[in-house]
């Protein structure tokens, strides 16, 4: 597990993401495709949320284990009352590298938050 270094301004990251196109997105294959299949997530939905990040609610920065990238940005997209996607990505000036994807059930996340705030 990576140690979170800091939070990033959500509006700043939204503006950065809006400058990319789908051709500039690369994936950690085959891992990314396997996770999409296992979690039953459509790749088009992921791309749509990355390129039009209106549902982006939180961004955390961690150190990258990949020597080609300095940082990993953990993007959290709230897609509904019960669904959140966490997508760790690495950002370069000309490309986005999607590492993996997690589906978080908000009910479980809210219970964990209550427990750890005590």
N, C-alpha and C. Protein backbone atom coordinates (compact mmCIF):
# COMPACT_ATOMS: atom_id res chain seq x y z
N UNK A 1 0.84 -1.17 0.00
CA UNK A 1 0.00 0.00 0.00
C UNK A 1 0.89 1.24 0.00
N UNK A 2 0.49 2.20 -0.80
CA UNK A 2 1.28 3.41 -0.93
C UNK A 2 0.87 4.43 0.13
N UNK A 3 1.84 5.22 0.53
CA UNK A 3 1.59 6.26 1.52
C UNK A 3 1.14 7.54 0.80
N UNK A 4 0.00 8.08 1.22
CA UNK A 4 -0.51 9.31 0.63
C UNK A 4 0.36 10.46 1.07
N UNK A 5 0.84 11.24 0.11
CA UNK A 5 1.70 12.38 0.41
C UNK A 5 0.89 13.63 0.74
N UNK A 6 -0.14 13.88 -0.07
CA UNK A 6 -0.94 15.08 0.12
C UNK A 6 -2.22 14.99 -0.70
N UNK A 7 -3.11 15.94 -0.45
CA UNK A 7 -4.31 16.10 -1.27
C UNK A 7 -3.98 17.06 -2.40
N UNK A 8 -4.67 16.91 -3.49
CA UNK A 8 -4.53 17.82 -4.62
C UNK A 8 -5.84 18.56 -4.81
N UNK A 9 -5.76 19.78 -5.30
CA UNK A 9 -6.95 20.57 -5.56
C UNK A 9 -7.77 19.91 -6.68
N UNK A 10 -9.01 19.60 -6.39
CA UNK A 10 -9.88 18.89 -7.33
C UNK A 10 -10.10 19.71 -8.60
N UNK A 11 -10.34 20.99 -8.47
CA UNK A 11 -10.59 21.84 -9.64
C UNK A 11 -9.37 21.91 -10.55
N UNK A 12 -8.20 21.93 -9.97
CA UNK A 12 -6.96 21.96 -10.76
C UNK A 12 -6.83 20.68 -11.59
N UNK A 13 -7.10 19.53 -10.96
CA UNK A 13 -6.99 18.24 -11.66
C UNK A 13 -8.08 18.13 -12.73
N UNK A 14 -9.28 18.62 -12.45
CA UNK A 14 -10.35 18.61 -13.46
C UNK A 14 -9.91 19.36 -14.71
N UNK A 15 -9.31 20.52 -14.53
CA UNK A 15 -8.86 21.32 -15.67
C UNK A 15 -7.75 20.61 -16.45
N UNK A 16 -6.87 19.91 -15.74
CA UNK A 16 -5.80 19.14 -16.41
C UNK A 16 -6.40 18.01 -17.23
N UNK A 17 -7.32 17.26 -16.65
CA UNK A 17 -7.91 16.10 -17.33
C UNK A 17 -8.70 16.50 -18.58
N UNK A 18 -9.34 17.65 -18.54
CA UNK A 18 -10.15 18.10 -19.69
C UNK A 18 -9.30 18.38 -20.92
N UNK A 19 -7.99 18.53 -20.76
CA UNK A 19 -7.11 18.83 -21.90
C UNK A 19 -6.67 17.58 -22.67
N UNK A 20 -7.02 16.40 -22.19
CA UNK A 20 -6.60 15.16 -22.83
C UNK A 20 -7.70 14.60 -23.72
N UNK A 21 -7.30 13.73 -24.65
CA UNK A 21 -8.26 13.01 -25.50
C UNK A 21 -8.13 11.52 -25.22
N UNK A 22 -9.05 10.75 -25.72
CA UNK A 22 -9.03 9.30 -25.47
C UNK A 22 -7.80 8.63 -26.09
N UNK A 23 -7.24 9.22 -27.13
CA UNK A 23 -6.04 8.64 -27.76
C UNK A 23 -4.80 8.81 -26.89
N UNK A 24 -4.85 9.72 -25.94
CA UNK A 24 -3.70 9.98 -25.06
C UNK A 24 -3.74 9.15 -23.78
N UNK A 25 -4.71 8.26 -23.67
CA UNK A 25 -4.83 7.42 -22.48
C UNK A 25 -4.20 6.06 -22.76
N UNK A 26 -3.32 5.62 -21.86
CA UNK A 26 -2.74 4.28 -21.93
C UNK A 26 -3.11 3.55 -20.64
N UNK A 27 -3.01 2.24 -20.70
CA UNK A 27 -3.47 1.40 -19.59
C UNK A 27 -2.37 0.44 -19.15
N UNK A 28 -2.45 0.04 -17.91
CA UNK A 28 -1.59 -0.99 -17.37
C UNK A 28 -2.20 -2.34 -17.77
N UNK A 29 -1.87 -2.79 -18.96
CA UNK A 29 -2.45 -4.03 -19.49
C UNK A 29 -1.57 -5.22 -19.15
N UNK A 30 -2.13 -6.38 -18.94
CA UNK A 30 -3.55 -6.76 -19.02
C UNK A 30 -4.32 -6.51 -17.72
N UNK A 31 -3.63 -6.02 -16.69
CA UNK A 31 -4.26 -5.85 -15.38
C UNK A 31 -5.53 -5.00 -15.44
N UNK A 32 -5.47 -3.86 -16.13
CA UNK A 32 -6.60 -2.95 -16.16
C UNK A 32 -7.83 -3.62 -16.79
N UNK A 33 -7.64 -4.31 -17.89
CA UNK A 33 -8.77 -4.99 -18.56
C UNK A 33 -9.35 -6.10 -17.70
N UNK A 34 -8.51 -6.81 -17.00
CA UNK A 34 -8.97 -7.89 -16.12
C UNK A 34 -9.83 -7.31 -14.99
N UNK A 35 -9.38 -6.19 -14.40
CA UNK A 35 -10.15 -5.55 -13.33
C UNK A 35 -11.50 -5.05 -13.85
N UNK A 36 -11.52 -4.47 -15.05
CA UNK A 36 -12.78 -4.01 -15.63
C UNK A 36 -13.76 -5.17 -15.79
N UNK A 37 -13.24 -6.28 -16.29
CA UNK A 37 -14.10 -7.45 -16.50
C UNK A 37 -14.60 -8.02 -15.18
N UNK A 38 -13.71 -8.13 -14.21
CA UNK A 38 -14.07 -8.70 -12.91
C UNK A 38 -15.10 -7.83 -12.18
N UNK A 39 -14.94 -6.51 -12.26
CA UNK A 39 -15.85 -5.60 -11.58
C UNK A 39 -17.08 -5.23 -12.41
N UNK A 40 -17.13 -5.74 -13.65
CA UNK A 40 -18.24 -5.47 -14.57
C UNK A 40 -18.42 -3.97 -14.81
N UNK A 41 -17.31 -3.33 -15.19
CA UNK A 41 -17.29 -1.90 -15.50
C UNK A 41 -16.99 -1.74 -16.97
N UNK A 42 -17.72 -0.85 -17.63
CA UNK A 42 -17.51 -0.58 -19.04
C UNK A 42 -16.35 0.41 -19.22
N UNK A 43 -15.42 0.09 -20.10
CA UNK A 43 -14.26 0.95 -20.35
C UNK A 43 -14.70 2.34 -20.83
N UNK A 44 -15.78 2.40 -21.61
CA UNK A 44 -16.27 3.69 -22.10
C UNK A 44 -16.72 4.60 -20.95
N UNK A 45 -17.30 3.99 -19.91
CA UNK A 45 -17.72 4.77 -18.74
C UNK A 45 -16.50 5.36 -18.02
N UNK A 46 -15.43 4.58 -17.92
CA UNK A 46 -14.20 5.06 -17.28
C UNK A 46 -13.61 6.22 -18.08
N UNK A 47 -13.50 6.05 -19.39
CA UNK A 47 -12.94 7.10 -20.25
C UNK A 47 -13.79 8.37 -20.18
N UNK A 48 -15.12 8.20 -20.20
CA UNK A 48 -16.02 9.35 -20.12
C UNK A 48 -15.79 10.12 -18.83
N UNK A 49 -15.62 9.42 -17.71
CA UNK A 49 -15.41 10.10 -16.42
C UNK A 49 -14.03 10.74 -16.33
N UNK A 50 -13.04 10.15 -16.94
CA UNK A 50 -11.69 10.73 -16.92
C UNK A 50 -11.65 12.01 -17.76
N UNK A 51 -12.24 11.98 -18.95
CA UNK A 51 -12.17 13.12 -19.86
C UNK A 51 -13.19 14.22 -19.54
N UNK A 52 -14.25 13.87 -18.85
CA UNK A 52 -15.26 14.83 -18.41
C UNK A 52 -15.45 14.64 -16.90
N UNK A 53 -14.51 15.16 -16.09
CA UNK A 53 -14.44 14.81 -14.67
C UNK A 53 -15.38 15.58 -13.75
N UNK A 54 -16.62 15.75 -14.16
CA UNK A 54 -17.57 16.50 -13.33
C UNK A 54 -17.88 15.76 -12.02
N UNK A 55 -17.74 14.45 -11.99
CA UNK A 55 -18.07 13.67 -10.80
C UNK A 55 -16.85 13.39 -9.91
N UNK A 56 -15.74 14.03 -10.23
CA UNK A 56 -14.52 13.88 -9.43
C UNK A 56 -14.71 14.59 -8.10
N UNK A 57 -14.51 13.86 -6.97
CA UNK A 57 -14.77 14.44 -5.66
C UNK A 57 -13.53 14.55 -4.77
N UNK A 58 -12.48 13.78 -5.07
CA UNK A 58 -11.28 13.81 -4.23
C UNK A 58 -10.08 13.37 -5.06
N UNK A 59 -8.91 13.98 -4.79
CA UNK A 59 -7.67 13.58 -5.45
C UNK A 59 -6.57 13.53 -4.40
N UNK A 60 -5.92 12.37 -4.30
CA UNK A 60 -4.78 12.22 -3.41
C UNK A 60 -3.53 11.93 -4.23
N UNK A 61 -2.37 12.33 -3.72
CA UNK A 61 -1.11 12.10 -4.43
C UNK A 61 -0.24 11.16 -3.60
N UNK A 62 0.31 10.14 -4.27
CA UNK A 62 1.23 9.18 -3.66
C UNK A 62 2.48 9.08 -4.52
N UNK A 63 3.55 8.54 -3.96
CA UNK A 63 4.75 8.29 -4.75
C UNK A 63 4.50 7.11 -5.67
N UNK A 64 5.07 7.16 -6.85
CA UNK A 64 4.91 6.10 -7.83
C UNK A 64 5.97 5.02 -7.65
N UNK A 65 5.54 3.77 -7.81
CA UNK A 65 6.50 2.65 -7.80
C UNK A 65 7.13 2.47 -9.18
N UNK A 66 6.52 3.05 -10.19
CA UNK A 66 7.00 2.97 -11.56
C UNK A 66 8.07 4.04 -11.76
N UNK A 67 9.29 3.67 -12.16
CA UNK A 67 10.35 4.66 -12.31
C UNK A 67 10.10 5.69 -13.43
N UNK A 68 9.15 5.42 -14.32
CA UNK A 68 8.84 6.36 -15.40
C UNK A 68 7.95 7.52 -14.95
N UNK A 69 7.39 7.42 -13.75
CA UNK A 69 6.48 8.44 -13.24
C UNK A 69 6.90 8.84 -11.83
N UNK A 70 6.72 10.12 -11.51
CA UNK A 70 7.06 10.61 -10.18
C UNK A 70 5.96 10.35 -9.16
N UNK A 71 4.70 10.59 -9.58
CA UNK A 71 3.59 10.50 -8.65
C UNK A 71 2.43 9.71 -9.24
N UNK A 72 1.58 9.23 -8.34
CA UNK A 72 0.31 8.60 -8.70
C UNK A 72 -0.78 9.49 -8.13
N UNK A 73 -1.75 9.83 -8.96
CA UNK A 73 -2.91 10.61 -8.52
C UNK A 73 -4.07 9.63 -8.34
N UNK A 74 -4.58 9.52 -7.12
CA UNK A 74 -5.74 8.67 -6.85
C UNK A 74 -6.99 9.51 -7.06
N UNK A 75 -7.72 9.21 -8.13
CA UNK A 75 -8.93 9.96 -8.47
C UNK A 75 -10.15 9.21 -7.94
N UNK A 76 -10.99 9.91 -7.20
CA UNK A 76 -12.22 9.33 -6.67
C UNK A 76 -13.40 9.98 -7.37
N UNK A 77 -14.19 9.16 -8.08
CA UNK A 77 -15.38 9.62 -8.78
C UNK A 77 -16.61 9.08 -8.07
N UNK A 78 -17.49 9.97 -7.61
CA UNK A 78 -18.75 9.53 -7.01
C UNK A 78 -19.76 9.44 -8.14
N UNK A 79 -20.18 8.21 -8.45
CA UNK A 79 -21.04 7.98 -9.61
C UNK A 79 -22.50 7.77 -9.25
N UNK A 80 -22.80 7.80 -8.00
CA UNK A 80 -24.18 7.63 -7.56
C UNK A 80 -24.21 7.53 -6.06
N UNK A 81 -25.37 7.25 -5.54
CA UNK A 81 -25.53 7.18 -4.10
C UNK A 81 -24.73 6.03 -3.49
N UNK A 82 -24.56 4.95 -4.23
CA UNK A 82 -23.91 3.76 -3.69
C UNK A 82 -22.63 3.36 -4.40
N UNK A 83 -22.14 4.18 -5.32
CA UNK A 83 -21.00 3.75 -6.14
C UNK A 83 -19.94 4.84 -6.26
N UNK A 84 -18.70 4.48 -5.98
CA UNK A 84 -17.55 5.35 -6.17
C UNK A 84 -16.46 4.55 -6.86
N UNK A 85 -15.80 5.17 -7.84
CA UNK A 85 -14.64 4.55 -8.48
C UNK A 85 -13.39 5.24 -7.96
N UNK A 86 -12.38 4.44 -7.65
CA UNK A 86 -11.05 4.98 -7.37
C UNK A 86 -10.17 4.54 -8.53
N UNK A 87 -9.57 5.51 -9.21
CA UNK A 87 -8.73 5.22 -10.36
C UNK A 87 -7.36 5.85 -10.14
N UNK A 88 -6.35 5.06 -9.79
CA UNK A 88 -4.99 5.59 -9.69
C UNK A 88 -4.43 5.81 -11.09
N UNK A 89 -3.95 7.02 -11.35
CA UNK A 89 -3.38 7.34 -12.66
C UNK A 89 -2.07 8.10 -12.47
N UNK A 90 -1.25 8.05 -13.50
CA UNK A 90 -0.04 8.87 -13.56
C UNK A 90 -0.22 9.84 -14.72
N UNK A 91 0.11 11.09 -14.47
CA UNK A 91 -0.12 12.14 -15.45
C UNK A 91 1.22 12.64 -15.98
N UNK A 92 1.35 12.64 -17.30
CA UNK A 92 2.46 13.30 -17.97
C UNK A 92 1.86 14.41 -18.83
N UNK A 93 2.70 15.25 -19.38
CA UNK A 93 2.17 16.38 -20.17
C UNK A 93 1.44 15.92 -21.42
N UNK A 94 1.80 14.77 -21.96
CA UNK A 94 1.18 14.32 -23.21
C UNK A 94 0.34 13.05 -23.06
N UNK A 95 0.27 12.48 -21.86
CA UNK A 95 -0.49 11.23 -21.72
C UNK A 95 -0.96 10.99 -20.29
N UNK A 96 -1.98 10.15 -20.20
CA UNK A 96 -2.49 9.66 -18.92
C UNK A 96 -2.27 8.16 -18.89
N UNK A 97 -1.78 7.65 -17.76
CA UNK A 97 -1.54 6.22 -17.62
C UNK A 97 -2.44 5.71 -16.51
N UNK A 98 -3.47 4.93 -16.87
CA UNK A 98 -4.40 4.38 -15.91
C UNK A 98 -3.85 3.07 -15.37
N UNK A 99 -3.62 3.02 -14.06
CA UNK A 99 -2.95 1.87 -13.45
C UNK A 99 -3.93 0.76 -13.14
N UNK A 100 -5.00 1.09 -12.44
CA UNK A 100 -6.00 0.09 -12.09
C UNK A 100 -7.30 0.81 -11.75
N UNK A 101 -8.30 0.08 -11.30
CA UNK A 101 -9.57 0.67 -10.91
C UNK A 101 -10.14 -0.12 -9.74
N UNK A 102 -10.79 0.59 -8.83
CA UNK A 102 -11.46 -0.03 -7.70
C UNK A 102 -12.89 0.48 -7.66
N UNK A 103 -13.81 -0.39 -7.31
CA UNK A 103 -15.20 0.01 -7.10
C UNK A 103 -15.43 -0.01 -5.60
N UNK A 104 -15.86 1.11 -5.05
CA UNK A 104 -16.06 1.23 -3.61
C UNK A 104 -17.55 1.37 -3.35
N UNK A 105 -18.07 0.52 -2.48
CA UNK A 105 -19.47 0.65 -2.07
C UNK A 105 -19.53 1.70 -0.98
N UNK A 106 -20.28 2.75 -1.20
CA UNK A 106 -20.31 3.88 -0.28
C UNK A 106 -20.80 3.50 1.11
N UNK A 107 -21.71 2.55 1.19
CA UNK A 107 -22.22 2.14 2.49
C UNK A 107 -21.09 1.59 3.36
N UNK A 108 -20.26 0.75 2.79
CA UNK A 108 -19.14 0.18 3.52
C UNK A 108 -18.12 1.26 3.86
N UNK A 109 -17.85 2.16 2.92
CA UNK A 109 -16.89 3.25 3.15
C UNK A 109 -17.37 4.16 4.27
N UNK A 110 -18.66 4.49 4.30
CA UNK A 110 -19.20 5.36 5.33
C UNK A 110 -19.11 4.70 6.71
N UNK A 111 -19.35 3.40 6.76
CA UNK A 111 -19.23 2.68 8.04
C UNK A 111 -17.78 2.69 8.53
N UNK A 112 -16.84 2.49 7.63
CA UNK A 112 -15.41 2.51 8.00
C UNK A 112 -15.01 3.89 8.51
N UNK A 113 -15.50 4.94 7.85
CA UNK A 113 -15.18 6.31 8.26
C UNK A 113 -15.70 6.58 9.67
N UNK A 114 -16.92 6.15 9.95
CA UNK A 114 -17.49 6.34 11.30
C UNK A 114 -16.64 5.62 12.35
N UNK A 115 -16.22 4.41 12.03
CA UNK A 115 -15.46 3.60 12.97
C UNK A 115 -14.10 4.24 13.28
N UNK A 116 -13.40 4.72 12.27
CA UNK A 116 -12.06 5.24 12.47
C UNK A 116 -12.02 6.68 12.99
N UNK A 117 -13.14 7.39 12.94
CA UNK A 117 -13.17 8.76 13.49
C UNK A 117 -13.34 8.77 15.00
N UNK A 118 -13.64 7.63 15.60
CA UNK A 118 -13.83 7.56 17.05
C UNK A 118 -12.52 7.70 17.78
